[in-house]
Amino acid sequence: MKEFKDVQVYDREATKRMKRYVRYATGAEMYDMCQKTFEELAKKANATHKVGKMVLVNPDIIDDYLEKTCRIIDDYL
């Protein structure tokens, strides 16, 4: 059996406790989506904060936005 040492598994709750803000790349990995989609989602949710040239995203706001605006499709699972 092959071991994967470089694979990072994100525990969303643990990440929230450790970091209040994440960058686009980290957030995209947390939510298992491409970075461009995550950027658009963060902007729609008004979860972005620009610090100089760096953009930080608040995952708590993303979670609230997803719960309020997105629906769960039962047939998909």
PDB file of N, CA and C in Angstrom:
ATOM      1  N   MET A   1       0.846  -1.172   0.000  1.00  0.00           N
ATOM      2  CA  MET A   1       0.000   0.000   0.000  1.00  0.00           C
ATOM      3  C   MET A   1       0.891   1.236   0.000  1.00  0.00           C
ATOM      4  N   LYS A   2       0.529   2.216  -0.811  1.00  0.00           N
ATOM      5  CA  LYS A   2       1.312   3.424  -0.976  1.00  0.00           C
ATOM      6  C   LYS A   2       0.937   4.464   0.085  1.00  0.00           C
ATOM      7  N   GLU A   3       1.928   5.076   0.688  1.00  0.00           N
ATOM      8  CA  GLU A   3       1.668   6.123   1.681  1.00  0.00           C
ATOM      9  C   GLU A   3       1.832   7.490   1.043  1.00  0.00           C
ATOM     10  N   PHE A   4       0.952   8.384   1.370  1.00  0.00           N
ATOM     11  CA  PHE A   4       1.024   9.746   0.867  1.00  0.00           C
ATOM     12  C   PHE A   4       1.454  10.661   2.009  1.00  0.00           C
ATOM     13  N   LYS A   5       2.668  11.156   1.911  1.00  0.00           N
ATOM     14  CA  LYS A   5       3.194  12.000   2.975  1.00  0.00           C
ATOM     15  C   LYS A   5       2.887  13.470   2.749  1.00  0.00           C
ATOM     16  N   ASP A   6       2.717  13.876   1.480  1.00  0.00           N
ATOM     17  CA  ASP A   6       2.521  15.285   1.172  1.00  0.00           C
ATOM     18  C   ASP A   6       1.055  15.707   1.142  1.00  0.00           C
ATOM     19  N   VAL A   7       0.159  14.787   1.350  1.00  0.00           N
ATOM     20  CA  VAL A   7      -1.265  15.113   1.309  1.00  0.00           C
ATOM     21  C   VAL A   7      -1.667  15.805   2.602  1.00  0.00           C
ATOM     22  N   GLN A   8      -2.340  16.946   2.446  1.00  0.00           N
ATOM     23  CA  GLN A   8      -2.812  17.685   3.610  1.00  0.00           C
ATOM     24  C   GLN A   8      -4.327  17.549   3.686  1.00  0.00           C
ATOM     25  N   VAL A   9      -4.800  17.068   4.799  1.00  0.00           N
ATOM     26  CA  VAL A   9      -6.234  16.935   5.016  1.00  0.00           C
ATOM     27  C   VAL A   9      -6.657  18.053   5.950  1.00  0.00           C
ATOM     28  N   TYR A  10      -7.653  18.823   5.509  1.00  0.00           N
ATOM     29  CA  TYR A  10      -8.086  19.972   6.298  1.00  0.00           C
ATOM     30  C   TYR A  10      -9.289  19.609   7.149  1.00  0.00           C
ATOM     31  N   ASP A  11      -9.145  19.813   8.423  1.00  0.00           N
ATOM     32  CA  ASP A  11     -10.267  19.710   9.333  1.00  0.00           C
ATOM     33  C   ASP A  11     -10.780  21.141   9.496  1.00  0.00           C
ATOM     34  N   ARG A  12     -11.944  21.419   8.922  1.00  0.00           N
ATOM     35  CA  ARG A  12     -12.454  22.785   8.871  1.00  0.00           C
ATOM     36  C   ARG A  12     -12.582  23.398  10.262  1.00  0.00           C
ATOM     37  N   GLU A  13     -13.050  22.631  11.233  1.00  0.00           N
ATOM     38  CA  GLU A  13     -13.210  23.149  12.591  1.00  0.00           C
ATOM     39  C   GLU A  13     -11.856  23.455  13.228  1.00  0.00           C
ATOM     40  N   ALA A  14     -10.889  22.590  13.023  1.00  0.00           N
ATOM     41  CA  ALA A  14      -9.555  22.824  13.586  1.00  0.00           C
ATOM     42  C   ALA A  14      -8.913  24.043  12.935  1.00  0.00           C
ATOM     43  N   THR A  15      -9.112  24.206  11.639  1.00  0.00           N
ATOM     44  CA  THR A  15      -8.546  25.354  10.943  1.00  0.00           C
ATOM     45  C   THR A  15      -9.173  26.643  11.438  1.00  0.00           C
ATOM     46  N   LYS A  16     -10.483  26.615  11.707  1.00  0.00           N
ATOM     47  CA  LYS A  16     -11.146  27.812  12.226  1.00  0.00           C
ATOM     48  C   LYS A  16     -10.568  28.218  13.573  1.00  0.00           C
ATOM     49  N   ARG A  17     -10.263  27.226  14.406  1.00  0.00           N
ATOM     50  CA  ARG A  17      -9.714  27.557  15.725  1.00  0.00           C
ATOM     51  C   ARG A  17      -8.305  28.139  15.605  1.00  0.00           C
ATOM     52  N   MET A  18      -7.549  27.657  14.637  1.00  0.00           N
ATOM     53  CA  MET A  18      -6.169  28.100  14.490  1.00  0.00           C
ATOM     54  C   MET A  18      -6.073  29.447  13.781  1.00  0.00           C
ATOM     55  N   LYS A  19      -6.818  29.622  12.679  1.00  0.00           N
ATOM     56  CA  LYS A  19      -6.715  30.828  11.870  1.00  0.00           C
ATOM     57  C   LYS A  19      -8.082  31.473  11.711  1.00  0.00           C
ATOM     58  N   ARG A  20      -8.105  32.749  11.866  1.00  0.00           N
ATOM     59  CA  ARG A  20      -9.359  33.462  11.644  1.00  0.00           C
ATOM     60  C   ARG A  20      -9.498  33.844  10.176  1.00  0.00           C
ATOM     61  N   TYR A  21      -8.379  34.070   9.500  1.00  0.00           N
ATOM     62  CA  TYR A  21      -8.377  34.429   8.092  1.00  0.00           C
ATOM     63  C   TYR A  21      -7.437  33.507   7.328  1.00  0.00           C
ATOM     64  N   VAL A  22      -7.790  33.214   6.090  1.00  0.00           N
ATOM     65  CA  VAL A  22      -6.950  32.392   5.226  1.00  0.00           C
ATOM     66  C   VAL A  22      -6.777  33.102   3.892  1.00  0.00           C
ATOM     67  N   ARG A  23      -5.775  32.694   3.146  1.00  0.00           N
ATOM     68  CA  ARG A  23      -5.583  33.215   1.797  1.00  0.00           C
ATOM     69  C   ARG A  23      -6.411  32.395   0.828  1.00  0.00           C
ATOM     70  N   TYR A  24      -6.501  32.891  -0.411  1.00  0.00           N
ATOM     71  CA  TYR A  24      -7.318  32.216  -1.413  1.00  0.00           C
ATOM     72  C   TYR A  24      -6.925  30.755  -1.614  1.00  0.00           C
ATOM     73  N   ALA A  25      -5.638  30.484  -1.747  1.00  0.00           N
ATOM     74  CA  ALA A  25      -5.188  29.114  -2.039  1.00  0.00           C
ATOM     75  C   ALA A  25      -5.557  28.153  -0.905  1.00  0.00           C
ATOM     76  N   THR A  26      -5.350  28.578   0.332  1.00  0.00           N
ATOM     77  CA  THR A  26      -5.675  27.734   1.486  1.00  0.00           C
ATOM     78  C   THR A  26      -7.184  27.525   1.593  1.00  0.00           C
ATOM     79  N   GLY A  27      -7.951  28.576   1.376  1.00  0.00           N
ATOM     80  CA  GLY A  27      -9.406  28.469   1.429  1.00  0.00           C
ATOM     81  C   GLY A  27      -9.954  27.547   0.352  1.00  0.00           C
ATOM     82  N   ALA A  28      -9.373  27.622  -0.838  1.00  0.00           N
ATOM     83  CA  ALA A  28      -9.809  26.737  -1.917  1.00  0.00           C
ATOM     84  C   ALA A  28      -9.562  25.280  -1.560  1.00  0.00           C
ATOM     85  N   GLU A  29      -8.449  24.996  -0.922  1.00  0.00           N
ATOM     86  CA  GLU A  29      -8.160  23.628  -0.481  1.00  0.00           C
ATOM     87  C   GLU A  29      -9.108  23.206   0.638  1.00  0.00           C
ATOM     88  N   MET A  30      -9.414  24.118   1.547  1.00  0.00           N
ATOM     89  CA  MET A  30     -10.324  23.803   2.646  1.00  0.00           C
ATOM     90  C   MET A  30     -11.703  23.397   2.139  1.00  0.00           C
ATOM     91  N   TYR A  31     -12.183  24.107   1.105  1.00  0.00           N
ATOM     92  CA  TYR A  31     -13.522  23.861   0.592  1.00  0.00           C
ATOM     93  C   TYR A  31     -13.518  22.947  -0.635  1.00  0.00           C
ATOM     94  N   ASP A  32     -12.374  22.418  -0.986  1.00  0.00           N
ATOM     95  CA  ASP A  32     -12.229  21.460  -2.079  1.00  0.00           C
ATOM     96  C   ASP A  32     -12.809  22.001  -3.382  1.00  0.00           C
ATOM     97  N   MET A  33     -12.328  23.190  -3.780  1.00  0.00           N
ATOM     98  CA  MET A  33     -12.746  23.787  -5.051  1.00  0.00           C
ATOM     99  C   MET A  33     -11.553  24.515  -5.646  1.00  0.00           C
ATOM    100  N   CYS A  34     -11.671  24.878  -6.911  1.00  0.00           N
ATOM    101  CA  CYS A  34     -10.555  25.591  -7.544  1.00  0.00           C
ATOM    102  C   CYS A  34     -10.469  27.003  -6.960  1.00  0.00           C
ATOM    103  N   GLN A  35      -9.306  27.604  -7.105  1.00  0.00           N
ATOM    104  CA  GLN A  35      -9.065  28.899  -6.478  1.00  0.00           C
ATOM    105  C   GLN A  35      -9.953  29.988  -7.066  1.00  0.00           C
ATOM    106  N   LYS A  36     -10.172  29.973  -8.371  1.00  0.00           N
ATOM    107  CA  LYS A  36     -11.008  31.002  -9.008  1.00  0.00           C
ATOM    108  C   LYS A  36     -12.442  30.956  -8.473  1.00  0.00           C
ATOM    109  N   THR A  37     -12.991  29.754  -8.322  1.00  0.00           N
ATOM    110  CA  THR A  37     -14.341  29.603  -7.782  1.00  0.00           C
ATOM    111  C   THR A  37     -14.403  30.092  -6.345  1.00  0.00           C
ATOM    112  N   PHE A  38     -13.363  29.775  -5.558  1.00  0.00           N
ATOM    113  CA  PHE A  38     -13.330  30.238  -4.171  1.00  0.00           C
ATOM    114  C   PHE A  38     -13.238  31.761  -4.098  1.00  0.00           C
ATOM    115  N   GLU A  39     -12.452  32.362  -4.978  1.00  0.00           N
ATOM    116  CA  GLU A  39     -12.336  33.824  -5.007  1.00  0.00           C
ATOM    117  C   GLU A  39     -13.694  34.459  -5.284  1.00  0.00           C
ATOM    118  N   GLU A  40     -14.419  33.923  -6.269  1.00  0.00           N
ATOM    119  CA  GLU A  40     -15.740  34.462  -6.598  1.00  0.00           C
ATOM    120  C   GLU A  40     -16.714  34.293  -5.433  1.00  0.00           C
ATOM    121  N   LEU A  41     -16.662  33.128  -4.792  1.00  0.00           N
ATOM    122  CA  LEU A  41     -17.523  32.862  -3.640  1.00  0.00           C
ATOM    123  C   LEU A  41     -17.214  33.833  -2.502  1.00  0.00           C
ATOM    124  N   ALA A  42     -15.951  34.045  -2.217  1.00  0.00           N
ATOM    125  CA  ALA A  42     -15.543  34.943  -1.135  1.00  0.00           C
ATOM    126  C   ALA A  42     -15.987  36.378  -1.407  1.00  0.00           C
ATOM    127  N   LYS A  43     -15.898  36.795  -2.665  1.00  0.00           N
ATOM    128  CA  LYS A  43     -16.325  38.148  -3.017  1.00  0.00           C
ATOM    129  C   LYS A  43     -17.845  38.298  -2.895  1.00  0.00           C
ATOM    130  N   LYS A  44     -18.596  37.281  -3.338  1.00  0.00           N
ATOM    131  CA  LYS A  44     -20.056  37.332  -3.219  1.00  0.00           C
ATOM    132  C   LYS A  44     -20.490  37.366  -1.762  1.00  0.00           C
ATOM    133  N   ALA A  45     -19.753  36.660  -0.912  1.00  0.00           N
ATOM    134  CA  ALA A  45     -20.101  36.590   0.510  1.00  0.00           C
ATOM    135  C   ALA A  45     -19.583  37.799   1.292  1.00  0.00           C
ATOM    136  N   ASN A  46     -18.857  38.685   0.634  1.00  0.00           N
ATOM    137  CA  ASN A  46     -18.222  39.841   1.302  1.00  0.00           C
ATOM    138  C   ASN A  46     -17.331  39.391   2.456  1.00  0.00           C
ATOM    139  N   ALA A  47     -16.543  38.356   2.209  1.00  0.00           N
ATOM    140  CA  ALA A  47     -15.677  37.788   3.244  1.00  0.00           C
ATOM    141  C   ALA A  47     -14.213  38.158   3.039  1.00  0.00           C
ATOM    142  N   THR A  48     -13.924  39.062   2.116  1.00  0.00           N
ATOM    143  CA  THR A  48     -12.534  39.400   1.803  1.00  0.00           C
ATOM    144  C   THR A  48     -12.091  40.663   2.532  1.00  0.00           C
ATOM    145  N   HIS A  49     -10.824  40.675   2.887  1.00  0.00           N
ATOM    146  CA  HIS A  49     -10.187  41.831   3.514  1.00  0.00           C
ATOM    147  C   HIS A  49      -8.842  42.015   2.844  1.00  0.00           C
ATOM    148  N   LYS A  50      -8.619  43.176   2.249  1.00  0.00           N
ATOM    149  CA  LYS A  50      -7.368  43.433   1.560  1.00  0.00           C
ATOM    150  C   LYS A  50      -6.393  44.119   2.513  1.00  0.00           C
ATOM    151  N   VAL A  51      -5.208  43.536   2.619  1.00  0.00           N
ATOM    152  CA  VAL A  51      -4.140  44.078   3.456  1.00  0.00           C
ATOM    153  C   VAL A  51      -2.940  44.287   2.541  1.00  0.00           C
ATOM    154  N   GLY A  52      -2.732  45.520   2.127  1.00  0.00           N
ATOM    155  CA  GLY A  52      -1.687  45.780   1.136  1.00  0.00           C
ATOM    156  C   GLY A  52      -2.057  45.094  -0.169  1.00  0.00           C
ATOM    157  N   LYS A  53      -1.163  44.228  -0.659  1.00  0.00           N
ATOM    158  CA  LYS A  53      -1.449  43.472  -1.878  1.00  0.00           C
ATOM    159  C   LYS A  53      -2.031  42.091  -1.574  1.00  0.00           C
ATOM    160  N   MET A  54      -2.142  41.763  -0.313  1.00  0.00           N
ATOM    161  CA  MET A  54      -2.620  40.442   0.106  1.00  0.00           C
ATOM    162  C   MET A  54      -4.113  40.499   0.405  1.00  0.00           C
ATOM    163  N   VAL A  55      -4.819  39.436   0.022  1.00  0.00           N
ATOM    164  CA  VAL A  55      -6.245  39.334   0.312  1.00  0.00           C
ATOM    165  C   VAL A  55      -6.454  38.193   1.289  1.00  0.00           C
ATOM    166  N   LEU A  56      -7.157  38.487   2.383  1.00  0.00           N
ATOM    167  CA  LEU A  56      -7.481  37.475   3.380  1.00  0.00           C
ATOM    168  C   LEU A  56      -8.984  37.221   3.364  1.00  0.00           C
ATOM    169  N   VAL A  57      -9.367  35.986   3.635  1.00  0.00           N
ATOM    170  CA  VAL A  57     -10.769  35.583   3.601  1.00  0.00           C
ATOM    171  C   VAL A  57     -11.156  35.019   4.957  1.00  0.00           C
ATOM    172  N   ASN A  58     -12.332  35.389   5.441  1.00  0.00           N
ATOM    173  CA  ASN A  58     -12.843  34.884   6.706  1.00  0.00           C
ATOM    174  C   ASN A  58     -13.720  33.656   6.429  1.00  0.00           C
ATOM    175  N   PRO A  59     -13.269  32.448   6.798  1.00  0.00           N
ATOM    176  CA  PRO A  59     -14.048  31.228   6.524  1.00  0.00           C
ATOM    177  C   PRO A  59     -15.399  31.189   7.245  1.00  0.00           C
ATOM    178  N   ASP A  60     -15.530  31.859   8.371  1.00  0.00           N
ATOM    179  CA  ASP A  60     -16.806  31.883   9.090  1.00  0.00           C
ATOM    180  C   ASP A  60     -17.896  32.550   8.249  1.00  0.00           C
ATOM    181  N   ILE A  61     -17.531  33.623   7.567  1.00  0.00           N
ATOM    182  CA  ILE A  61     -18.486  34.326   6.719  1.00  0.00           C
ATOM    183  C   ILE A  61     -18.857  33.459   5.519  1.00  0.00           C
ATOM    184  N   ILE A  62     -17.881  32.733   4.976  1.00  0.00           N
ATOM    185  CA  ILE A  62     -18.153  31.818   3.859  1.00  0.00           C
ATOM    186  C   ILE A  62     -19.158  30.750   4.294  1.00  0.00           C
ATOM    187  N   ASP A  63     -18.942  30.156   5.476  1.00  0.00           N
ATOM    188  CA  ASP A  63     -19.853  29.124   5.974  1.00  0.00           C
ATOM    189  C   ASP A  63     -21.277  29.666   6.135  1.00  0.00           C
ATOM    190  N   ASP A  64     -21.401  30.844   6.715  1.00  0.00           N
ATOM    191  CA  ASP A  64     -22.723  31.458   6.893  1.00  0.00           C
ATOM    192  C   ASP A  64     -23.388  31.714   5.539  1.00  0.00           C
ATOM    193  N   TYR A  65     -22.621  32.215   4.594  1.00  0.00           N
ATOM    194  CA  TYR A  65     -23.146  32.503   3.261  1.00  0.00           C
ATOM    195  C   TYR A  65     -23.642  31.221   2.583  1.00  0.00           C
ATOM    196  N   LEU A  66     -22.856  30.151   2.672  1.00  0.00           N
ATOM    197  CA  LEU A  66     -23.248  28.887   2.051  1.00  0.00           C
ATOM    198  C   LEU A  66     -24.516  28.320   2.682  1.00  0.00           C
ATOM    199  N   GLU A  67     -24.617  28.418   3.996  1.00  0.00           N
ATOM    200  CA  GLU A  67     -25.799  27.897   4.685  1.00  0.00           C
ATOM    201  C   GLU A  67     -27.060  28.683   4.319  1.00  0.00           C
ATOM    202  N   LYS A  68     -26.933  29.987   4.107  1.00  0.00           N
ATOM    203  CA  LYS A  68     -28.095  30.821   3.815  1.00  0.00           C
ATOM    204  C   LYS A  68     -28.507  30.790   2.348  1.00  0.00           C
ATOM    205  N   THR A  69     -27.550  30.652   1.446  1.00  0.00           N
ATOM    206  CA  THR A  69     -27.863  30.820   0.026  1.00  0.00           C
ATOM    207  C   THR A  69     -27.861  29.540  -0.790  1.00  0.00           C
ATOM    208  N   CYS A  70     -27.185  28.516  -0.354  1.00  0.00           N
ATOM    209  CA  CYS A  70     -27.079  27.294  -1.154  1.00  0.00           C
ATOM    210  C   CYS A  70     -28.048  26.242  -0.640  1.00  0.00           C
ATOM    211  N   ARG A  71     -28.457  25.382  -1.542  1.00  0.00           N
ATOM    212  CA  ARG A  71     -29.382  24.317  -1.152  1.00  0.00           C
ATOM    213  C   ARG A  71     -28.694  22.977  -1.311  1.00  0.00           C
ATOM    214  N   ILE A  72     -29.135  22.000  -0.565  1.00  0.00           N
ATOM    215  CA  ILE A  72     -28.584  20.658  -0.614  1.00  0.00           C
ATOM    216  C   ILE A  72     -29.453  19.831  -1.552  1.00  0.00           C
ATOM    217  N   ILE A  73     -28.811  19.144  -2.473  1.00  0.00           N
ATOM    218  CA  ILE A  73     -29.525  18.301  -3.422  1.00  0.00           C
ATOM    219  C   ILE A  73     -29.485  16.872  -2.895  1.00  0.00           C
ATOM    220  N   ASP A  74     -30.636  16.335  -2.532  1.00  0.00           N
ATOM    221  CA  ASP A  74     -30.699  14.981  -1.975  1.00  0.00           C
ATOM    222  C   ASP A  74     -30.399  13.917  -3.023  1.00  0.00           C
ATOM    223  N   ASP A  75     -30.778  14.166  -4.269  1.00  0.00           N
ATOM    224  CA  ASP A  75     -30.573  13.176  -5.312  1.00  0.00           C
ATOM    225  C   ASP A  75     -29.093  12.974  -5.639  1.00  0.00           C
ATOM    226  N   TYR A  76     -28.283  13.961  -5.364  1.00  0.00           N
ATOM    227  CA  TYR A  76     -26.870  13.907  -5.709  1.00  0.00           C
ATOM    228  C   TYR A  76     -26.137  12.848  -4.913  1.00  0.00           C
ATOM    229  N   LEU A  77     -26.472  12.705  -3.650  1.00  0.00           N
ATOM    230  CA  LEU A  77     -25.802  11.729  -2.793  1.00  0.00           C
ATOM    231  C   LEU A  77     -26.432  10.405  -3.002  1.00  0.00           C
TER     232      LEU A  77
END
